[in-house]
């Protein structure tokens, strides 16, 4: 695991990516009530599970200020987190709705809303310092769940690993140096769930595997 300076901790005022910060400025003008800043991680400070998404959605986390909250992508995620005992309720509507996570934390590979939901390679690289700091601060034994290939690659880079050594695949399990476990899943986006590339049973099966990690010898 890479070591990261405390200066790489989450920064709600970060403007390291000119395209993203400029886009957020425009969004804030168009939607004055939106959060429209880098979105912080949410959940347990000492989790057993870290869920890593891609980036905030325009009318979801970018609006509410909490990952996967207030848009379609969070529907299956929070329903599943509740089913497996990680969330106090199965619907996440707003940052002040009282929902709490137990043993779980949610973050994104890119903390700012990207235009058309597509961050550039350079933006992913710049933001990787923050993900690296988050991973370095995790307790031993944490399982990481990457939602989609970009999140998968971001986790590997944040851990100082070669992306080519760990191929993304739905329900794939990877053992990283130091014994940390990385699971992959297709992203729980509207497109993936409506086209049934990712179904609820498929997603639940990944969580069943994750919960079995604690029972492994």
N, C-alpha and C. Protein backbone atom coordinates (compact mmCIF):
# COMPACT_ATOMS: atom_id res chain seq x y z
N UNK A 1 0.84 -1.19 0.00
CA UNK A 1 0.00 0.00 0.00
C UNK A 1 0.87 1.24 0.00
N UNK A 2 0.53 2.19 -0.85
CA UNK A 2 1.28 3.43 -0.87
C UNK A 2 1.05 4.22 0.40
N UNK A 3 2.04 5.01 0.78
CA UNK A 3 1.83 5.94 1.87
C UNK A 3 1.47 7.29 1.27
N UNK A 4 0.53 7.98 1.91
CA UNK A 4 0.05 9.23 1.37
C UNK A 4 0.07 10.29 2.45
N UNK A 5 0.48 11.49 2.10
CA UNK A 5 0.52 12.60 3.03
C UNK A 5 -0.89 12.98 3.46
N UNK A 6 -1.01 13.49 4.67
CA UNK A 6 -2.30 13.93 5.15
C UNK A 6 -2.84 15.09 4.30
N UNK A 7 -1.95 15.76 3.56
CA UNK A 7 -2.40 16.84 2.69
C UNK A 7 -3.23 16.31 1.53
N UNK A 8 -3.25 15.00 1.34
CA UNK A 8 -4.05 14.41 0.27
C UNK A 8 -5.44 14.00 0.77
N UNK A 9 -5.76 14.34 2.01
CA UNK A 9 -7.09 14.03 2.52
C UNK A 9 -8.12 14.83 1.73
N UNK A 10 -9.36 14.40 1.78
CA UNK A 10 -10.43 15.03 1.01
C UNK A 10 -10.46 16.54 1.23
N UNK A 11 -10.65 17.26 0.13
CA UNK A 11 -10.66 18.72 0.17
C UNK A 11 -11.89 19.23 -0.57
N UNK A 12 -12.87 19.73 0.17
CA UNK A 12 -14.11 20.21 -0.43
C UNK A 12 -13.88 21.45 -1.28
N UNK A 13 -12.75 22.12 -1.12
CA UNK A 13 -12.44 23.30 -1.91
C UNK A 13 -11.48 23.04 -3.05
N UNK A 14 -11.24 21.76 -3.35
CA UNK A 14 -10.26 21.41 -4.39
C UNK A 14 -10.67 21.98 -5.75
N UNK A 15 -9.69 22.58 -6.43
CA UNK A 15 -9.89 23.09 -7.79
C UNK A 15 -8.70 22.70 -8.68
N UNK A 16 -8.17 21.51 -8.45
CA UNK A 16 -6.99 21.06 -9.18
C UNK A 16 -7.29 20.76 -10.65
N UNK A 17 -8.53 20.49 -10.97
CA UNK A 17 -8.90 20.16 -12.35
C UNK A 17 -9.71 21.32 -12.93
N UNK A 18 -9.10 22.14 -13.78
CA UNK A 18 -9.78 23.35 -14.29
C UNK A 18 -11.12 23.05 -14.98
N UNK A 19 -11.17 21.99 -15.78
CA UNK A 19 -12.41 21.68 -16.49
C UNK A 19 -13.53 21.35 -15.51
N UNK A 20 -13.22 20.55 -14.49
CA UNK A 20 -14.24 20.15 -13.53
C UNK A 20 -14.67 21.31 -12.64
N UNK A 21 -13.73 22.08 -12.14
CA UNK A 21 -14.10 23.20 -11.27
C UNK A 21 -14.89 24.25 -12.04
N UNK A 22 -14.52 24.49 -13.30
CA UNK A 22 -15.28 25.42 -14.12
C UNK A 22 -16.68 24.92 -14.41
N UNK A 23 -16.81 23.62 -14.64
CA UNK A 23 -18.13 23.04 -14.89
C UNK A 23 -19.01 23.15 -13.64
N UNK A 24 -18.43 22.90 -12.47
CA UNK A 24 -19.20 23.03 -11.23
C UNK A 24 -19.65 24.47 -11.00
N UNK A 25 -18.82 25.42 -11.36
CA UNK A 25 -19.21 26.83 -11.25
C UNK A 25 -20.45 27.10 -12.11
N UNK A 26 -20.47 26.56 -13.32
CA UNK A 26 -21.61 26.74 -14.22
C UNK A 26 -22.87 26.07 -13.65
N UNK A 27 -22.69 24.85 -13.12
CA UNK A 27 -23.82 24.11 -12.56
C UNK A 27 -24.42 24.87 -11.39
N UNK A 28 -23.58 25.46 -10.56
CA UNK A 28 -24.06 26.20 -9.39
C UNK A 28 -24.88 27.42 -9.80
N UNK A 29 -24.50 28.04 -10.90
CA UNK A 29 -25.28 29.18 -11.41
C UNK A 29 -26.64 28.71 -11.93
N UNK A 30 -26.63 27.58 -12.63
CA UNK A 30 -27.87 27.05 -13.20
C UNK A 30 -28.77 26.44 -12.12
N UNK A 31 -28.14 25.86 -11.09
CA UNK A 31 -28.89 25.20 -10.01
C UNK A 31 -28.36 25.71 -8.66
N UNK A 32 -28.78 26.89 -8.23
CA UNK A 32 -28.23 27.49 -7.01
C UNK A 32 -28.39 26.63 -5.75
N UNK A 33 -29.39 25.77 -5.75
CA UNK A 33 -29.63 24.94 -4.57
C UNK A 33 -28.82 23.66 -4.53
N UNK A 34 -28.05 23.39 -5.59
CA UNK A 34 -27.27 22.15 -5.65
C UNK A 34 -25.99 22.29 -4.81
N UNK A 35 -25.50 21.17 -4.31
CA UNK A 35 -24.24 21.13 -3.56
C UNK A 35 -23.09 21.61 -4.46
N UNK A 36 -22.92 21.00 -5.61
CA UNK A 36 -21.99 21.44 -6.67
C UNK A 36 -20.58 21.72 -6.18
N UNK A 37 -20.02 20.79 -5.42
CA UNK A 37 -18.63 20.84 -4.96
C UNK A 37 -18.09 19.41 -4.97
N UNK A 38 -16.80 19.23 -4.71
CA UNK A 38 -16.31 17.86 -4.53
C UNK A 38 -17.11 17.15 -3.45
N UNK A 39 -17.57 15.94 -3.73
CA UNK A 39 -18.45 15.21 -2.81
C UNK A 39 -17.61 14.35 -1.87
N UNK A 40 -17.78 14.51 -0.56
CA UNK A 40 -16.98 13.75 0.40
C UNK A 40 -17.42 12.30 0.50
N UNK A 41 -16.55 11.43 1.00
CA UNK A 41 -16.97 10.06 1.31
C UNK A 41 -18.06 10.09 2.37
N UNK A 42 -18.82 9.00 2.45
CA UNK A 42 -19.93 8.92 3.40
C UNK A 42 -19.91 7.55 4.09
N UNK A 43 -20.08 7.57 5.42
CA UNK A 43 -20.25 6.32 6.14
C UNK A 43 -19.30 6.12 7.29
N UNK A 44 -19.14 4.87 7.68
CA UNK A 44 -18.35 4.47 8.83
C UNK A 44 -16.89 4.88 8.67
N UNK A 45 -16.31 5.46 9.71
CA UNK A 45 -14.90 5.87 9.65
C UNK A 45 -13.96 4.67 9.68
N UNK A 46 -14.41 3.55 10.25
CA UNK A 46 -13.59 2.33 10.31
C UNK A 46 -14.41 1.17 9.74
N UNK A 47 -14.60 1.15 8.43
CA UNK A 47 -15.50 0.19 7.82
C UNK A 47 -14.87 -1.18 7.61
N UNK A 48 -15.75 -2.16 7.39
CA UNK A 48 -15.31 -3.47 6.90
C UNK A 48 -15.41 -3.54 5.37
N UNK A 49 -16.19 -2.60 4.80
CA UNK A 49 -16.41 -2.56 3.35
C UNK A 49 -16.30 -1.13 2.86
N UNK A 50 -15.47 -0.92 1.82
CA UNK A 50 -15.40 0.38 1.14
C UNK A 50 -15.93 0.20 -0.27
N UNK A 51 -16.99 0.92 -0.61
CA UNK A 51 -17.58 0.89 -1.94
C UNK A 51 -17.04 2.08 -2.72
N UNK A 52 -16.46 1.82 -3.90
CA UNK A 52 -15.88 2.89 -4.72
C UNK A 52 -16.66 3.00 -6.03
N UNK A 53 -17.30 4.15 -6.22
CA UNK A 53 -18.02 4.42 -7.46
C UNK A 53 -17.15 5.20 -8.42
N UNK A 54 -17.78 5.72 -9.48
CA UNK A 54 -17.04 6.47 -10.50
C UNK A 54 -16.95 7.95 -10.13
N UNK A 55 -18.07 8.64 -10.12
CA UNK A 55 -18.10 10.09 -9.87
C UNK A 55 -19.53 10.48 -9.51
N UNK A 56 -19.71 11.66 -8.90
CA UNK A 56 -21.07 12.12 -8.58
C UNK A 56 -21.93 12.28 -9.83
N UNK A 57 -23.22 11.99 -9.69
CA UNK A 57 -24.17 12.22 -10.77
C UNK A 57 -24.72 13.64 -10.69
N UNK A 58 -25.10 14.19 -11.83
CA UNK A 58 -25.57 15.57 -11.89
C UNK A 58 -26.69 15.86 -10.90
N UNK A 59 -27.73 15.03 -10.90
CA UNK A 59 -28.89 15.29 -10.05
C UNK A 59 -28.93 14.37 -8.84
N UNK A 60 -27.81 13.65 -8.62
CA UNK A 60 -27.70 12.79 -7.45
C UNK A 60 -26.75 13.41 -6.43
N UNK A 61 -25.55 12.83 -6.32
CA UNK A 61 -24.59 13.31 -5.33
C UNK A 61 -24.20 14.76 -5.55
N UNK A 62 -24.13 15.21 -6.80
CA UNK A 62 -23.80 16.61 -7.07
C UNK A 62 -24.88 17.55 -6.54
N UNK A 63 -26.10 17.06 -6.48
CA UNK A 63 -27.21 17.86 -5.95
C UNK A 63 -27.29 17.78 -4.43
N UNK A 64 -27.12 16.56 -3.90
CA UNK A 64 -27.36 16.34 -2.48
C UNK A 64 -26.12 16.43 -1.60
N UNK A 65 -24.93 16.20 -2.21
CA UNK A 65 -23.70 16.23 -1.43
C UNK A 65 -23.37 14.92 -0.75
N UNK A 66 -24.07 13.84 -1.11
CA UNK A 66 -23.77 12.52 -0.53
C UNK A 66 -23.73 11.49 -1.65
N UNK A 67 -22.72 10.61 -1.66
CA UNK A 67 -22.57 9.64 -2.75
C UNK A 67 -23.82 8.80 -3.00
N UNK A 68 -24.19 8.68 -4.27
CA UNK A 68 -25.28 7.80 -4.70
C UNK A 68 -26.62 8.17 -4.06
N UNK A 69 -26.80 9.42 -3.71
CA UNK A 69 -28.01 9.85 -3.02
C UNK A 69 -28.85 10.77 -3.90
N UNK A 70 -30.10 10.37 -4.10
CA UNK A 70 -31.03 11.22 -4.82
C UNK A 70 -31.11 10.94 -6.31
N UNK A 71 -30.49 9.87 -6.79
CA UNK A 71 -30.62 9.53 -8.21
C UNK A 71 -30.76 8.02 -8.39
N UNK A 72 -30.99 7.61 -9.62
CA UNK A 72 -31.31 6.22 -9.91
C UNK A 72 -30.17 5.26 -9.54
N UNK A 73 -28.94 5.70 -9.69
CA UNK A 73 -27.80 4.82 -9.43
C UNK A 73 -27.76 4.34 -7.99
N UNK A 74 -28.36 5.12 -7.09
CA UNK A 74 -28.34 4.73 -5.68
C UNK A 74 -29.44 3.76 -5.28
N UNK A 75 -30.42 3.55 -6.16
CA UNK A 75 -31.57 2.72 -5.79
C UNK A 75 -31.13 1.31 -5.42
N UNK A 76 -30.47 0.62 -6.35
CA UNK A 76 -30.04 -0.75 -6.09
C UNK A 76 -28.96 -0.80 -5.02
N UNK A 77 -28.05 0.20 -5.02
CA UNK A 77 -26.96 0.19 -4.04
C UNK A 77 -27.49 0.25 -2.61
N UNK A 78 -28.33 1.21 -2.30
CA UNK A 78 -28.79 1.35 -0.92
C UNK A 78 -29.77 0.25 -0.52
N UNK A 79 -30.56 -0.23 -1.49
CA UNK A 79 -31.41 -1.38 -1.19
C UNK A 79 -30.56 -2.58 -0.79
N UNK A 80 -29.45 -2.77 -1.50
CA UNK A 80 -28.56 -3.90 -1.21
C UNK A 80 -27.80 -3.70 0.09
N UNK A 81 -27.32 -2.50 0.33
CA UNK A 81 -26.62 -2.22 1.59
C UNK A 81 -27.54 -2.47 2.78
N UNK A 82 -28.80 -2.09 2.65
CA UNK A 82 -29.77 -2.34 3.73
C UNK A 82 -30.01 -3.84 3.90
N UNK A 83 -30.17 -4.54 2.80
CA UNK A 83 -30.43 -5.97 2.85
C UNK A 83 -29.33 -6.73 3.57
N UNK A 84 -28.08 -6.28 3.39
CA UNK A 84 -26.94 -6.97 3.99
C UNK A 84 -26.45 -6.34 5.29
N UNK A 85 -27.26 -5.44 5.85
CA UNK A 85 -26.99 -4.92 7.19
C UNK A 85 -26.04 -3.75 7.26
N UNK A 86 -25.72 -3.14 6.12
CA UNK A 86 -24.79 -2.01 6.12
C UNK A 86 -25.47 -0.65 6.24
N UNK A 87 -26.74 -0.57 5.88
CA UNK A 87 -27.46 0.70 5.89
C UNK A 87 -28.70 0.61 6.77
N UNK A 88 -29.02 1.71 7.43
CA UNK A 88 -30.14 1.73 8.36
C UNK A 88 -31.50 1.79 7.65
N UNK A 89 -31.47 2.12 6.36
CA UNK A 89 -32.71 2.12 5.57
C UNK A 89 -32.36 1.80 4.13
N UNK A 90 -33.39 1.50 3.33
CA UNK A 90 -33.12 1.01 1.97
C UNK A 90 -33.26 2.07 0.89
N UNK A 91 -33.51 3.31 1.28
CA UNK A 91 -33.65 4.40 0.32
C UNK A 91 -32.84 5.59 0.82
N UNK A 92 -32.05 6.19 -0.07
CA UNK A 92 -31.25 7.37 0.27
C UNK A 92 -31.75 8.55 -0.55
N UNK A 93 -32.43 9.49 0.11
CA UNK A 93 -33.09 10.58 -0.59
C UNK A 93 -32.33 11.89 -0.52
N UNK A 94 -31.74 12.18 0.65
CA UNK A 94 -31.04 13.45 0.84
C UNK A 94 -29.98 13.27 1.91
N UNK A 95 -29.06 14.21 1.98
CA UNK A 95 -27.95 14.10 2.93
C UNK A 95 -28.41 14.23 4.38
N UNK A 96 -29.62 14.74 4.59
CA UNK A 96 -30.13 14.91 5.96
C UNK A 96 -31.34 14.02 6.26
N UNK A 97 -31.42 12.88 5.54
CA UNK A 97 -32.59 12.00 5.73
C UNK A 97 -32.44 11.03 6.89
N UNK A 98 -31.31 11.09 7.60
CA UNK A 98 -31.11 10.24 8.77
C UNK A 98 -30.53 8.88 8.47
N UNK A 99 -30.32 8.55 7.21
CA UNK A 99 -29.73 7.25 6.87
C UNK A 99 -28.30 7.17 7.42
N UNK A 100 -27.97 6.03 8.00
CA UNK A 100 -26.64 5.80 8.52
C UNK A 100 -26.08 4.50 7.95
N UNK A 101 -24.77 4.47 7.76
CA UNK A 101 -24.09 3.25 7.33
C UNK A 101 -23.33 2.65 8.51
N UNK A 102 -23.39 1.32 8.61
CA UNK A 102 -22.69 0.60 9.66
C UNK A 102 -21.73 -0.39 9.03
N UNK A 103 -20.44 -0.20 9.30
CA UNK A 103 -19.44 -1.10 8.75
C UNK A 103 -19.18 -0.89 7.27
N UNK A 104 -19.64 0.21 6.72
CA UNK A 104 -19.50 0.48 5.29
C UNK A 104 -19.22 1.96 5.06
N UNK A 105 -18.47 2.24 4.03
CA UNK A 105 -18.16 3.60 3.62
C UNK A 105 -18.24 3.66 2.10
N UNK A 106 -18.72 4.79 1.57
CA UNK A 106 -18.88 4.95 0.13
C UNK A 106 -18.08 6.16 -0.33
N UNK A 107 -17.35 5.99 -1.42
CA UNK A 107 -16.58 7.09 -2.00
C UNK A 107 -16.62 6.97 -3.51
N UNK A 108 -15.96 7.91 -4.18
CA UNK A 108 -15.88 7.86 -5.65
C UNK A 108 -14.44 8.01 -6.11
N UNK A 109 -14.15 7.44 -7.26
CA UNK A 109 -12.81 7.58 -7.85
C UNK A 109 -12.52 9.03 -8.20
N UNK A 110 -13.55 9.74 -8.66
CA UNK A 110 -13.47 11.16 -8.97
C UNK A 110 -14.51 11.88 -8.12
N UNK A 111 -14.09 12.89 -7.38
CA UNK A 111 -14.96 13.51 -6.38
C UNK A 111 -15.88 14.57 -6.96
N UNK A 112 -15.59 15.08 -8.18
CA UNK A 112 -16.40 16.13 -8.79
C UNK A 112 -17.23 15.60 -9.94
N UNK A 113 -18.38 16.22 -10.14
CA UNK A 113 -19.22 15.90 -11.30
C UNK A 113 -18.48 16.21 -12.60
N UNK A 114 -18.31 15.21 -13.48
CA UNK A 114 -17.68 15.49 -14.79
C UNK A 114 -18.75 15.73 -15.86
N UNK A 115 -18.47 16.58 -16.83
CA UNK A 115 -19.42 16.75 -17.94
C UNK A 115 -19.73 15.41 -18.60
N UNK A 116 -21.02 15.18 -18.86
CA UNK A 116 -21.49 13.95 -19.51
C UNK A 116 -21.07 12.69 -18.75
N UNK A 117 -20.81 12.84 -17.46
CA UNK A 117 -20.41 11.70 -16.61
C UNK A 117 -19.12 11.03 -17.08
N UNK A 118 -18.26 11.79 -17.76
CA UNK A 118 -17.04 11.21 -18.32
C UNK A 118 -15.82 12.01 -17.89
N UNK A 119 -15.16 11.62 -16.80
CA UNK A 119 -13.91 12.28 -16.44
C UNK A 119 -12.80 11.91 -17.41
N UNK A 120 -11.85 12.79 -17.60
CA UNK A 120 -10.72 12.49 -18.47
C UNK A 120 -9.71 11.62 -17.70
N UNK A 121 -8.81 11.02 -18.45
CA UNK A 121 -7.76 10.21 -17.81
C UNK A 121 -6.94 11.05 -16.84
N UNK A 122 -6.66 12.30 -17.22
CA UNK A 122 -5.87 13.17 -16.35
C UNK A 122 -6.65 13.53 -15.09
N UNK A 123 -7.94 13.75 -15.19
CA UNK A 123 -8.76 14.07 -14.01
C UNK A 123 -8.82 12.89 -13.06
N UNK A 124 -8.91 11.69 -13.60
CA UNK A 124 -8.90 10.49 -12.76
C UNK A 124 -7.56 10.37 -12.05
N UNK A 125 -6.49 10.68 -12.78
CA UNK A 125 -5.14 10.59 -12.20
C UNK A 125 -4.95 11.61 -11.09
N UNK A 126 -5.37 12.85 -11.33
CA UNK A 126 -5.21 13.90 -10.32
C UNK A 126 -5.99 13.57 -9.05
N UNK A 127 -7.21 13.09 -9.22
CA UNK A 127 -8.06 12.80 -8.06
C UNK A 127 -7.62 11.53 -7.32
N UNK A 128 -6.76 10.74 -7.95
CA UNK A 128 -6.35 9.47 -7.35
C UNK A 128 -5.60 9.66 -6.03
N UNK A 129 -5.00 10.84 -5.85
CA UNK A 129 -4.28 11.10 -4.59
C UNK A 129 -5.23 11.05 -3.40
N UNK A 130 -6.46 11.49 -3.61
CA UNK A 130 -7.43 11.49 -2.52
C UNK A 130 -7.92 10.07 -2.22
N UNK A 131 -8.16 9.29 -3.26
CA UNK A 131 -8.54 7.89 -3.05
C UNK A 131 -7.41 7.14 -2.37
N UNK A 132 -6.17 7.43 -2.77
CA UNK A 132 -5.02 6.78 -2.14
C UNK A 132 -4.96 7.06 -0.65
N UNK A 133 -5.22 8.31 -0.26
CA UNK A 133 -5.20 8.66 1.16
C UNK A 133 -6.32 7.94 1.91
N UNK A 134 -7.48 7.81 1.27
CA UNK A 134 -8.59 7.09 1.90
C UNK A 134 -8.22 5.62 2.12
N UNK A 135 -7.64 5.00 1.10
CA UNK A 135 -7.29 3.59 1.22
C UNK A 135 -6.20 3.38 2.27
N UNK A 136 -5.23 4.29 2.31
CA UNK A 136 -4.14 4.15 3.28
C UNK A 136 -4.64 4.27 4.71
N UNK A 137 -5.75 4.99 4.92
CA UNK A 137 -6.28 5.20 6.26
C UNK A 137 -7.20 4.08 6.73
N UNK A 138 -7.53 3.15 5.84
CA UNK A 138 -8.45 2.08 6.20
C UNK A 138 -7.80 1.08 7.16
N UNK A 139 -8.58 0.51 8.06
CA UNK A 139 -8.05 -0.54 8.93
C UNK A 139 -7.76 -1.82 8.15
N UNK A 140 -6.96 -2.70 8.74
CA UNK A 140 -6.67 -3.99 8.10
C UNK A 140 -7.96 -4.79 7.94
N UNK A 141 -7.99 -5.61 6.92
CA UNK A 141 -9.12 -6.51 6.73
C UNK A 141 -10.30 -5.92 5.98
N UNK A 142 -10.19 -4.68 5.53
CA UNK A 142 -11.28 -4.06 4.78
C UNK A 142 -11.37 -4.67 3.38
N UNK A 143 -12.60 -4.96 2.95
CA UNK A 143 -12.85 -5.40 1.59
C UNK A 143 -13.24 -4.18 0.76
N UNK A 144 -12.69 -4.08 -0.44
CA UNK A 144 -13.00 -2.97 -1.34
C UNK A 144 -13.88 -3.49 -2.47
N UNK A 145 -14.95 -2.77 -2.76
CA UNK A 145 -15.83 -3.11 -3.87
C UNK A 145 -15.77 -1.99 -4.90
N UNK A 146 -15.27 -2.31 -6.10
CA UNK A 146 -15.18 -1.32 -7.18
C UNK A 146 -16.39 -1.48 -8.09
N UNK A 147 -17.12 -0.40 -8.28
CA UNK A 147 -18.29 -0.41 -9.16
C UNK A 147 -17.87 0.09 -10.54
N UNK A 148 -17.58 -0.84 -11.42
CA UNK A 148 -17.17 -0.50 -12.77
C UNK A 148 -15.66 -0.50 -12.96
N UNK A 149 -15.25 -0.52 -14.21
CA UNK A 149 -13.83 -0.67 -14.53
C UNK A 149 -13.01 0.56 -14.16
N UNK A 150 -13.56 1.76 -14.31
CA UNK A 150 -12.79 2.95 -13.95
C UNK A 150 -12.49 2.96 -12.46
N UNK A 151 -13.47 2.62 -11.65
CA UNK A 151 -13.23 2.53 -10.20
C UNK A 151 -12.22 1.43 -9.89
N UNK A 152 -12.33 0.31 -10.57
CA UNK A 152 -11.39 -0.80 -10.41
C UNK A 152 -9.96 -0.34 -10.68
N UNK A 153 -9.75 0.34 -11.79
CA UNK A 153 -8.42 0.82 -12.14
C UNK A 153 -7.93 1.89 -11.16
N UNK A 154 -8.84 2.74 -10.71
CA UNK A 154 -8.45 3.79 -9.77
C UNK A 154 -7.99 3.20 -8.44
N UNK A 155 -8.66 2.15 -7.98
CA UNK A 155 -8.24 1.49 -6.74
C UNK A 155 -6.85 0.91 -6.90
N UNK A 156 -6.62 0.25 -8.02
CA UNK A 156 -5.30 -0.36 -8.24
C UNK A 156 -4.20 0.70 -8.27
N UNK A 157 -4.44 1.78 -8.97
CA UNK A 157 -3.42 2.85 -9.04
C UNK A 157 -3.19 3.45 -7.66
N UNK A 158 -4.27 3.63 -6.89
CA UNK A 158 -4.14 4.21 -5.55
C UNK A 158 -3.37 3.28 -4.61
N UNK A 159 -3.40 1.99 -4.93
CA UNK A 159 -2.65 1.01 -4.15
C UNK A 159 -1.25 0.78 -4.69
N UNK A 160 -0.88 1.49 -5.76
CA UNK A 160 0.45 1.33 -6.34
C UNK A 160 0.61 0.08 -7.16
N UNK A 161 -0.50 -0.46 -7.69
CA UNK A 161 -0.45 -1.70 -8.45
C UNK A 161 -0.61 -1.45 -9.95
N UNK A 162 -0.11 -2.38 -10.75
CA UNK A 162 -0.25 -2.30 -12.20
C UNK A 162 -1.64 -2.76 -12.61
N UNK A 163 -2.33 -1.91 -13.34
CA UNK A 163 -3.69 -2.22 -13.75
C UNK A 163 -3.76 -3.51 -14.56
N UNK A 164 -2.76 -3.73 -15.42
CA UNK A 164 -2.78 -4.91 -16.29
C UNK A 164 -2.71 -6.23 -15.52
N UNK A 165 -2.28 -6.17 -14.27
CA UNK A 165 -2.13 -7.40 -13.48
C UNK A 165 -3.44 -7.89 -12.88
N UNK A 166 -4.47 -7.06 -12.94
CA UNK A 166 -5.75 -7.42 -12.31
C UNK A 166 -6.87 -7.06 -13.28
N UNK A 167 -7.41 -8.03 -13.95
CA UNK A 167 -8.43 -7.78 -14.96
C UNK A 167 -9.80 -7.59 -14.33
N UNK A 168 -10.50 -6.54 -14.74
CA UNK A 168 -11.85 -6.29 -14.25
C UNK A 168 -12.81 -7.34 -14.77
N UNK A 169 -13.71 -7.76 -13.90
CA UNK A 169 -14.78 -8.66 -14.31
C UNK A 169 -15.85 -8.68 -13.24
N UNK A 170 -17.11 -8.72 -13.64
CA UNK A 170 -18.17 -8.75 -12.64
C UNK A 170 -18.00 -9.94 -11.70
N UNK A 171 -18.05 -9.67 -10.40
CA UNK A 171 -17.89 -10.67 -9.34
C UNK A 171 -16.48 -11.20 -9.21
N UNK A 172 -15.53 -10.59 -9.92
CA UNK A 172 -14.13 -11.03 -9.79
C UNK A 172 -13.60 -10.66 -8.40
N UNK A 173 -12.72 -11.52 -7.88
CA UNK A 173 -12.08 -11.31 -6.57
C UNK A 173 -10.57 -11.24 -6.77
N UNK A 174 -9.96 -10.19 -6.27
CA UNK A 174 -8.53 -10.01 -6.41
C UNK A 174 -7.88 -9.87 -5.04
N UNK A 175 -6.77 -10.55 -4.84
CA UNK A 175 -6.00 -10.40 -3.61
C UNK A 175 -4.84 -9.46 -3.91
N UNK A 176 -4.83 -8.32 -3.25
CA UNK A 176 -3.79 -7.32 -3.46
C UNK A 176 -2.64 -7.54 -2.49
N UNK A 177 -1.46 -7.02 -2.80
CA UNK A 177 -0.33 -7.14 -1.87
C UNK A 177 -0.72 -6.63 -0.49
N UNK A 178 -0.30 -7.36 0.53
CA UNK A 178 -0.69 -7.01 1.89
C UNK A 178 -1.95 -7.72 2.34
N UNK A 179 -2.58 -8.45 1.41
CA UNK A 179 -3.74 -9.25 1.77
C UNK A 179 -5.09 -8.57 1.61
N UNK A 180 -5.09 -7.31 1.20
CA UNK A 180 -6.37 -6.62 1.01
C UNK A 180 -7.12 -7.22 -0.18
N UNK A 181 -8.46 -7.33 -0.06
CA UNK A 181 -9.28 -7.98 -1.07
C UNK A 181 -10.07 -6.93 -1.85
N UNK A 182 -10.03 -7.05 -3.17
CA UNK A 182 -10.79 -6.18 -4.07
C UNK A 182 -11.79 -7.02 -4.84
N UNK A 183 -13.06 -6.64 -4.74
CA UNK A 183 -14.12 -7.25 -5.55
C UNK A 183 -14.56 -6.26 -6.62
N UNK A 184 -14.98 -6.79 -7.76
CA UNK A 184 -15.52 -5.98 -8.84
C UNK A 184 -17.00 -6.25 -9.03
N UNK A 185 -17.71 -5.22 -9.46
CA UNK A 185 -19.09 -5.38 -9.91
C UNK A 185 -19.35 -4.40 -11.04
N UNK A 186 -20.25 -4.77 -11.94
CA UNK A 186 -20.74 -3.77 -12.87
C UNK A 186 -21.34 -2.63 -12.06
N UNK A 187 -21.24 -1.42 -12.58
CA UNK A 187 -21.80 -0.26 -11.89
C UNK A 187 -23.32 -0.35 -11.86
N UNK A 188 -23.90 0.09 -10.76
CA UNK A 188 -25.36 0.01 -10.58
C UNK A 188 -26.03 1.24 -11.21
N UNK A 189 -25.66 1.58 -12.41
CA UNK A 189 -26.21 2.72 -13.12
C UNK A 189 -27.59 2.38 -13.69
N UNK A 190 -28.30 3.43 -14.07
CA UNK A 190 -29.61 3.22 -14.69
C UNK A 190 -29.47 2.36 -15.95
N UNK A 191 -28.46 2.67 -16.78
CA UNK A 191 -28.28 1.92 -18.02
C UNK A 191 -28.05 0.44 -17.74
N UNK A 192 -27.14 0.14 -16.81
CA UNK A 192 -26.81 -1.26 -16.55
C UNK A 192 -27.98 -2.03 -15.94
N UNK A 193 -28.74 -1.39 -15.07
CA UNK A 193 -29.85 -2.11 -14.44
C UNK A 193 -31.05 -2.23 -15.37
N UNK A 194 -31.31 -1.20 -16.18
CA UNK A 194 -32.47 -1.27 -17.08
C UNK A 194 -32.21 -2.21 -18.25
N UNK A 195 -30.96 -2.33 -18.68
CA UNK A 195 -30.64 -3.29 -19.75
C UNK A 195 -30.39 -4.69 -19.19
N UNK A 196 -30.42 -4.79 -17.86
CA UNK A 196 -30.22 -6.06 -17.14
C UNK A 196 -28.81 -6.61 -17.31
N UNK A 197 -27.89 -5.73 -17.67
CA UNK A 197 -26.48 -6.14 -17.60
C UNK A 197 -26.14 -6.45 -16.15
N UNK A 198 -26.76 -5.68 -15.23
CA UNK A 198 -26.64 -5.95 -13.81
C UNK A 198 -28.03 -6.08 -13.22
N UNK A 199 -28.32 -7.25 -12.67
CA UNK A 199 -29.60 -7.48 -12.00
C UNK A 199 -29.41 -7.48 -10.49
N UNK A 200 -30.51 -7.34 -9.76
CA UNK A 200 -30.42 -7.37 -8.31
C UNK A 200 -29.81 -8.68 -7.80
N UNK A 201 -30.22 -9.85 -8.31
CA UNK A 201 -29.58 -11.08 -7.84
C UNK A 201 -28.07 -11.12 -8.12
N UNK A 202 -27.64 -10.58 -9.25
CA UNK A 202 -26.21 -10.54 -9.56
C UNK A 202 -25.46 -9.67 -8.55
N UNK A 203 -26.05 -8.53 -8.22
CA UNK A 203 -25.44 -7.60 -7.29
C UNK A 203 -25.42 -8.20 -5.89
N UNK A 204 -26.53 -8.82 -5.50
CA UNK A 204 -26.61 -9.44 -4.17
C UNK A 204 -25.59 -10.56 -4.03
N UNK A 205 -25.35 -11.28 -5.11
CA UNK A 205 -24.38 -12.39 -5.05
C UNK A 205 -22.97 -11.88 -4.73
N UNK A 206 -22.63 -10.71 -5.25
CA UNK A 206 -21.32 -10.12 -4.94
C UNK A 206 -21.24 -9.81 -3.46
N UNK A 207 -22.30 -9.26 -2.89
CA UNK A 207 -22.30 -8.94 -1.47
C UNK A 207 -22.27 -10.21 -0.61
N UNK A 208 -22.90 -11.25 -1.08
CA UNK A 208 -22.82 -12.53 -0.35
C UNK A 208 -21.38 -13.01 -0.30
N UNK A 209 -20.66 -12.88 -1.41
CA UNK A 209 -19.25 -13.27 -1.44
C UNK A 209 -18.42 -12.40 -0.50
N UNK A 210 -18.72 -11.10 -0.49
CA UNK A 210 -17.99 -10.20 0.38
C UNK A 210 -18.19 -10.57 1.84
N UNK A 211 -19.41 -10.89 2.20
CA UNK A 211 -19.67 -11.23 3.61
C UNK A 211 -19.04 -12.57 3.99
N UNK A 212 -18.80 -13.41 3.02
CA UNK A 212 -18.11 -14.68 3.31
C UNK A 212 -16.62 -14.50 3.58
N UNK A 213 -16.07 -13.33 3.22
CA UNK A 213 -14.65 -13.08 3.45
C UNK A 213 -14.27 -13.23 4.92
N UNK A 214 -15.17 -12.79 5.81
CA UNK A 214 -14.86 -12.86 7.24
C UNK A 214 -14.84 -14.29 7.76
N UNK A 215 -15.40 -15.20 6.95
CA UNK A 215 -15.44 -16.61 7.38
C UNK A 215 -14.29 -17.43 6.77
N UNK A 216 -13.51 -16.78 5.91
CA UNK A 216 -12.41 -17.51 5.29
C UNK A 216 -11.32 -17.78 6.34
N UNK A 217 -10.68 -18.96 6.26
CA UNK A 217 -9.61 -19.28 7.22
C UNK A 217 -8.39 -18.40 7.00
